[in-house]
C-alpha cells in the first residue's frame, strides 16, 4: 500500500507515540476506534466516517487536555520501545510495542483512590 494511502493512520500513529496514549489501557477503546476510522478514511471513507472521526478526535482532545497533553511514560525513546519489543512484548499493527501498565502507579500519579 502506498504511503499516500496511509496518511490518516500515519498521522494518528505519530500522535499516539508523541502523547504516549497508546500505552494507557483505559483509553484502548478510543485508540482502536480512531485507528479503525483512520483506516476507513485512508480507504476513501465518506461523510459519515469523517463525522465519526471528528467526534472521536474531540474525545481524544478531552483526554489529552486532562493529562496536560502527554501521558506518563510517553518520553520513551524508540530504542527503549525496540528493546521492549525484542524482549517479547506484544507489538500492535503499527509496530508500537504494547507495554503492560502498572494500574496502581497510574492511579497514584493522577490522585485517583
N, C-alpha and C. Protein backbone atom coordinates (compact mmCIF):
# COMPACT_ATOMS: atom_id res chain seq x y z
N UNK A 1 0.84 -1.17 0.00
CA UNK A 1 0.00 0.00 0.00
C UNK A 1 0.89 1.24 0.00
N UNK A 2 0.57 2.19 -0.81
CA UNK A 2 1.37 3.40 -0.93
C UNK A 2 1.24 4.25 0.31
N UNK A 3 2.29 5.04 0.59
CA UNK A 3 2.31 5.90 1.77
C UNK A 3 1.17 6.92 1.74
N UNK A 4 0.78 7.39 0.55
CA UNK A 4 -0.30 8.36 0.44
C UNK A 4 -1.62 7.76 0.91
N UNK A 5 -1.76 6.46 0.80
CA UNK A 5 -2.98 5.79 1.23
C UNK A 5 -3.01 5.52 2.73
N UNK A 6 -1.99 5.93 3.46
CA UNK A 6 -1.91 5.72 4.90
C UNK A 6 -1.78 7.04 5.66
N UNK A 7 -2.12 8.14 5.05
CA UNK A 7 -1.82 9.43 5.68
C UNK A 7 -2.56 9.64 7.00
N UNK A 8 -3.82 9.22 7.12
CA UNK A 8 -4.53 9.38 8.38
C UNK A 8 -3.98 8.43 9.44
N UNK A 9 -3.72 7.19 9.05
CA UNK A 9 -3.15 6.23 10.00
C UNK A 9 -1.76 6.66 10.45
N UNK A 10 -0.96 7.18 9.54
CA UNK A 10 0.38 7.64 9.90
C UNK A 10 0.32 8.82 10.87
N UNK A 11 -0.57 9.76 10.60
CA UNK A 11 -0.70 10.92 11.48
C UNK A 11 -1.18 10.48 12.86
N UNK A 12 -2.12 9.56 12.90
CA UNK A 12 -2.62 9.06 14.18
C UNK A 12 -1.52 8.34 14.95
N UNK A 13 -0.75 7.52 14.27
CA UNK A 13 0.35 6.80 14.92
C UNK A 13 1.38 7.77 15.50
N UNK A 14 1.72 8.82 14.74
CA UNK A 14 2.66 9.83 15.26
C UNK A 14 2.11 10.48 16.52
N UNK A 15 0.83 10.82 16.53
CA UNK A 15 0.23 11.46 17.68
C UNK A 15 0.21 10.51 18.88
N UNK A 16 -0.15 9.25 18.65
CA UNK A 16 -0.19 8.29 19.75
C UNK A 16 1.19 8.08 20.36
N UNK A 17 2.20 8.04 19.53
CA UNK A 17 3.57 7.89 20.03
C UNK A 17 4.02 9.13 20.79
N UNK A 18 3.73 10.30 20.25
CA UNK A 18 4.17 11.56 20.89
C UNK A 18 3.49 11.78 22.23
N UNK A 19 2.24 11.41 22.35
CA UNK A 19 1.50 11.64 23.59
C UNK A 19 1.62 10.49 24.57
N UNK A 20 1.95 9.31 24.09
CA UNK A 20 2.03 8.13 24.95
C UNK A 20 0.68 7.48 25.20
N UNK A 21 -0.36 7.98 24.56
CA UNK A 21 -1.70 7.47 24.79
C UNK A 21 -1.84 5.99 24.42
N UNK A 22 -1.02 5.52 23.53
CA UNK A 22 -1.07 4.12 23.11
C UNK A 22 -0.77 3.18 24.29
N UNK A 23 -0.13 3.70 25.34
CA UNK A 23 0.25 2.88 26.49
C UNK A 23 -0.73 2.99 27.66
N UNK A 24 -1.88 3.59 27.45
CA UNK A 24 -2.85 3.76 28.53
C UNK A 24 -4.02 2.80 28.28
N UNK A 25 -4.10 1.73 29.07
CA UNK A 25 -5.14 0.74 28.82
C UNK A 25 -6.56 1.29 28.96
N UNK A 26 -6.74 2.29 29.78
CA UNK A 26 -8.07 2.86 29.97
C UNK A 26 -8.59 3.54 28.70
N UNK A 27 -7.72 3.89 27.80
CA UNK A 27 -8.11 4.57 26.56
C UNK A 27 -7.98 3.67 25.33
N UNK A 28 -7.81 2.37 25.56
CA UNK A 28 -7.62 1.43 24.45
C UNK A 28 -8.80 1.42 23.48
N UNK A 29 -10.01 1.53 24.00
CA UNK A 29 -11.18 1.52 23.13
C UNK A 29 -11.19 2.73 22.20
N UNK A 30 -10.87 3.89 22.75
CA UNK A 30 -10.83 5.11 21.94
C UNK A 30 -9.72 5.01 20.89
N UNK A 31 -8.56 4.51 21.29
CA UNK A 31 -7.44 4.36 20.37
C UNK A 31 -7.81 3.44 19.21
N UNK A 32 -8.43 2.31 19.52
CA UNK A 32 -8.80 1.36 18.45
C UNK A 32 -9.88 1.95 17.55
N UNK A 33 -10.83 2.68 18.12
CA UNK A 33 -11.85 3.33 17.30
C UNK A 33 -11.20 4.32 16.34
N UNK A 34 -10.28 5.12 16.85
CA UNK A 34 -9.57 6.07 16.00
C UNK A 34 -8.79 5.37 14.89
N UNK A 35 -8.15 4.26 15.21
CA UNK A 35 -7.40 3.52 14.20
C UNK A 35 -8.33 2.99 13.11
N UNK A 36 -9.47 2.43 13.54
CA UNK A 36 -10.43 1.92 12.55
C UNK A 36 -10.94 3.04 11.64
N UNK A 37 -11.27 4.17 12.24
CA UNK A 37 -11.79 5.29 11.45
C UNK A 37 -10.71 5.87 10.53
N UNK A 38 -9.48 5.95 11.01
CA UNK A 38 -8.39 6.44 10.17
C UNK A 38 -8.17 5.52 8.97
N UNK A 39 -8.29 4.22 9.22
CA UNK A 39 -8.15 3.26 8.12
C UNK A 39 -9.27 3.45 7.10
N UNK A 40 -10.50 3.64 7.59
CA UNK A 40 -11.62 3.88 6.68
C UNK A 40 -11.40 5.14 5.85
N UNK A 41 -10.89 6.20 6.49
CA UNK A 41 -10.62 7.43 5.75
C UNK A 41 -9.55 7.21 4.70
N UNK A 42 -8.52 6.47 5.05
CA UNK A 42 -7.45 6.18 4.08
C UNK A 42 -7.97 5.37 2.90
N UNK A 43 -9.02 4.61 3.14
CA UNK A 43 -9.59 3.79 2.07
C UNK A 43 -10.75 4.49 1.37
N UNK A 44 -10.89 5.80 1.59
CA UNK A 44 -11.89 6.59 0.88
C UNK A 44 -13.22 6.73 1.60
N UNK A 45 -13.19 6.68 2.94
CA UNK A 45 -14.42 6.80 3.72
C UNK A 45 -15.21 8.05 3.38
N UNK A 46 -16.50 7.98 3.56
CA UNK A 46 -17.38 9.08 3.20
C UNK A 46 -17.64 10.04 4.33
N UNK A 47 -18.74 10.78 4.21
CA UNK A 47 -19.08 11.84 5.15
C UNK A 47 -19.33 11.29 6.56
N UNK A 48 -19.99 10.15 6.66
CA UNK A 48 -20.26 9.59 7.99
C UNK A 48 -18.96 9.21 8.70
N UNK A 49 -18.04 8.65 7.97
CA UNK A 49 -16.75 8.30 8.56
C UNK A 49 -16.02 9.55 9.04
N UNK A 50 -16.05 10.60 8.23
CA UNK A 50 -15.40 11.86 8.62
C UNK A 50 -16.04 12.45 9.87
N UNK A 51 -17.36 12.40 9.96
CA UNK A 51 -18.04 12.92 11.15
C UNK A 51 -17.70 12.09 12.39
N UNK A 52 -17.68 10.79 12.24
CA UNK A 52 -17.33 9.92 13.36
C UNK A 52 -15.89 10.15 13.80
N UNK A 53 -14.99 10.34 12.83
CA UNK A 53 -13.58 10.59 13.14
C UNK A 53 -13.42 11.93 13.86
N UNK A 54 -14.13 12.94 13.39
CA UNK A 54 -14.08 14.24 14.03
C UNK A 54 -14.58 14.15 15.47
N UNK A 55 -15.66 13.43 15.70
CA UNK A 55 -16.20 13.26 17.04
C UNK A 55 -15.20 12.53 17.94
N UNK A 56 -14.58 11.47 17.42
CA UNK A 56 -13.61 10.71 18.20
C UNK A 56 -12.37 11.54 18.51
N UNK A 57 -11.94 12.38 17.59
CA UNK A 57 -10.77 13.23 17.86
C UNK A 57 -11.10 14.28 18.92
N UNK A 58 -12.35 14.72 18.99
CA UNK A 58 -12.75 15.64 20.06
C UNK A 58 -12.65 14.94 21.41
N UNK A 59 -13.08 13.68 21.46
CA UNK A 59 -12.94 12.91 22.70
C UNK A 59 -11.46 12.74 23.06
N UNK A 60 -10.66 12.49 22.05
CA UNK A 60 -9.22 12.35 22.26
C UNK A 60 -8.62 13.63 22.84
N UNK A 61 -9.02 14.76 22.31
CA UNK A 61 -8.51 16.04 22.82
C UNK A 61 -8.91 16.26 24.27
N UNK A 62 -10.12 15.83 24.63
CA UNK A 62 -10.56 15.95 26.03
C UNK A 62 -9.68 15.10 26.93
N UNK A 63 -9.37 13.89 26.49
CA UNK A 63 -8.50 13.01 27.27
C UNK A 63 -7.13 13.65 27.45
N UNK A 64 -6.56 14.16 26.36
CA UNK A 64 -5.23 14.77 26.43
C UNK A 64 -5.24 16.05 27.24
N UNK A 65 -6.32 16.81 27.18
CA UNK A 65 -6.41 18.04 27.97
C UNK A 65 -6.38 17.70 29.46
N UNK A 66 -6.95 16.57 29.83
CA UNK A 66 -6.95 16.15 31.22
C UNK A 66 -5.61 15.64 31.70
N UNK A 67 -4.70 15.35 30.78
CA UNK A 67 -3.37 14.84 31.15
C UNK A 67 -2.27 15.84 30.85
N UNK A 68 -2.63 17.02 30.43
CA UNK A 68 -1.61 18.01 30.07
C UNK A 68 -0.99 17.76 28.71
N UNK A 69 -1.60 16.91 27.89
CA UNK A 69 -1.11 16.69 26.53
C UNK A 69 -0.16 15.52 26.38
N UNK A 70 0.39 15.05 27.49
CA UNK A 70 1.28 13.89 27.43
C UNK A 70 0.91 12.94 28.54
N UNK A 71 1.00 11.67 28.26
CA UNK A 71 0.71 10.65 29.25
C UNK A 71 2.03 10.16 29.82
N UNK A 72 2.06 9.91 31.12
CA UNK A 72 3.28 9.44 31.78
C UNK A 72 3.87 8.27 31.02
N UNK A 73 5.17 8.27 30.83
CA UNK A 73 5.85 7.19 30.14
C UNK A 73 5.97 7.41 28.65
N UNK A 74 5.44 8.53 28.16
CA UNK A 74 5.47 8.76 26.72
C UNK A 74 6.83 9.27 26.24
N UNK A 75 7.75 9.52 27.17
CA UNK A 75 9.05 10.02 26.77
C UNK A 75 10.02 8.90 26.43
N UNK A 76 9.52 7.67 26.32
CA UNK A 76 10.37 6.56 25.94
C UNK A 76 10.99 6.81 24.57
N UNK A 77 12.23 6.43 24.44
CA UNK A 77 12.88 6.58 23.14
C UNK A 77 12.51 5.39 22.25
N UNK A 78 12.74 5.55 20.98
CA UNK A 78 12.50 4.46 20.04
C UNK A 78 13.35 3.25 20.40
N UNK A 79 14.56 3.49 20.87
CA UNK A 79 15.45 2.39 21.26
C UNK A 79 14.86 1.61 22.43
N UNK A 80 14.27 2.33 23.41
CA UNK A 80 13.65 1.65 24.54
C UNK A 80 12.45 0.82 24.08
N UNK A 81 11.63 1.37 23.18
CA UNK A 81 10.49 0.63 22.68
C UNK A 81 10.95 -0.60 21.90
N UNK A 82 12.02 -0.46 21.13
CA UNK A 82 12.54 -1.59 20.37
C UNK A 82 13.06 -2.67 21.31
N UNK A 83 13.69 -2.26 22.41
CA UNK A 83 14.20 -3.23 23.38
C UNK A 83 13.05 -3.99 24.03
N UNK A 84 11.96 -3.29 24.33
CA UNK A 84 10.78 -3.94 24.90
C UNK A 84 10.21 -4.93 23.90
N UNK A 85 10.13 -4.53 22.64
CA UNK A 85 9.61 -5.42 21.60
C UNK A 85 10.50 -6.65 21.44
N UNK A 86 11.81 -6.45 21.48
CA UNK A 86 12.75 -7.56 21.33
C UNK A 86 12.66 -8.52 22.52
N UNK A 87 12.27 -7.98 23.68
CA UNK A 87 12.17 -8.81 24.88
C UNK A 87 10.91 -9.67 24.88
N UNK A 88 10.08 -9.51 23.85
CA UNK A 88 8.92 -10.37 23.73
C UNK A 88 7.60 -9.70 24.01
N UNK A 89 7.58 -8.39 24.15
CA UNK A 89 6.30 -7.69 24.35
C UNK A 89 5.48 -7.80 23.08
N UNK A 90 4.18 -7.78 23.26
CA UNK A 90 3.28 -7.82 22.11
C UNK A 90 3.44 -6.53 21.31
N UNK A 91 3.41 -6.63 19.99
CA UNK A 91 3.54 -5.46 19.13
C UNK A 91 2.26 -5.35 18.31
N UNK A 92 1.66 -4.14 18.29
CA UNK A 92 0.41 -3.98 17.54
C UNK A 92 0.69 -3.77 16.07
N UNK A 93 -0.36 -3.55 15.28
CA UNK A 93 -0.23 -3.47 13.83
C UNK A 93 0.53 -2.25 13.34
N UNK A 94 0.78 -1.27 14.20
CA UNK A 94 1.54 -0.08 13.81
C UNK A 94 2.97 -0.13 14.33
N UNK A 95 3.44 -1.32 14.71
CA UNK A 95 4.79 -1.53 15.23
C UNK A 95 5.06 -0.74 16.50
N UNK A 96 4.03 -0.51 17.30
CA UNK A 96 4.20 0.14 18.60
C UNK A 96 4.08 -0.94 19.65
N UNK A 97 5.11 -1.16 20.45
CA UNK A 97 5.02 -2.22 21.45
C UNK A 97 3.93 -1.92 22.46
N UNK A 98 3.19 -2.95 22.81
CA UNK A 98 2.16 -2.81 23.83
C UNK A 98 2.81 -3.16 25.15
N UNK A 99 3.07 -2.15 25.96
CA UNK A 99 3.75 -2.32 27.23
C UNK A 99 2.71 -2.39 28.33
N UNK A 100 2.76 -3.43 29.16
CA UNK A 100 1.81 -3.51 30.25
C UNK A 100 1.98 -2.33 31.19
N UNK A 101 0.87 -1.74 31.61
CA UNK A 101 0.91 -0.61 32.52
C UNK A 101 0.68 -1.08 33.95
N UNK A 102 1.22 -0.35 34.88
CA UNK A 102 1.00 -0.58 36.29
C UNK A 102 -0.17 0.30 36.70
N UNK A 103 -1.35 -0.29 36.85
CA UNK A 103 -2.56 0.47 37.13
C UNK A 103 -2.44 1.23 38.45
N UNK A 104 -1.84 0.62 39.44
CA UNK A 104 -1.69 1.30 40.73
C UNK A 104 -0.85 2.57 40.58
N UNK A 105 0.24 2.48 39.81
CA UNK A 105 1.09 3.65 39.59
C UNK A 105 0.33 4.73 38.83
N UNK A 106 -0.45 4.32 37.84
CA UNK A 106 -1.24 5.25 37.05
C UNK A 106 -2.22 6.01 37.94
N UNK A 107 -2.93 5.27 38.81
CA UNK A 107 -3.89 5.90 39.71
C UNK A 107 -3.20 6.83 40.69
N UNK A 108 -2.07 6.41 41.21
CA UNK A 108 -1.32 7.23 42.18
C UNK A 108 -0.85 8.54 41.55
N UNK A 109 -0.36 8.48 40.33
CA UNK A 109 0.13 9.68 39.65
C UNK A 109 -0.97 10.69 39.41
N UNK A 110 -2.20 10.22 39.25
CA UNK A 110 -3.32 11.10 38.97
C UNK A 110 -4.19 11.39 40.19
N UNK A 111 -3.77 10.87 41.35
CA UNK A 111 -4.51 11.13 42.58
C UNK A 111 -5.84 10.42 42.64
N UNK A 112 -5.94 9.28 41.97
CA UNK A 112 -7.18 8.51 41.97
C UNK A 112 -7.08 7.47 43.07
N UNK A 113 -8.09 7.36 43.90
CA UNK A 113 -8.05 6.40 45.02
C UNK A 113 -8.28 4.99 44.56
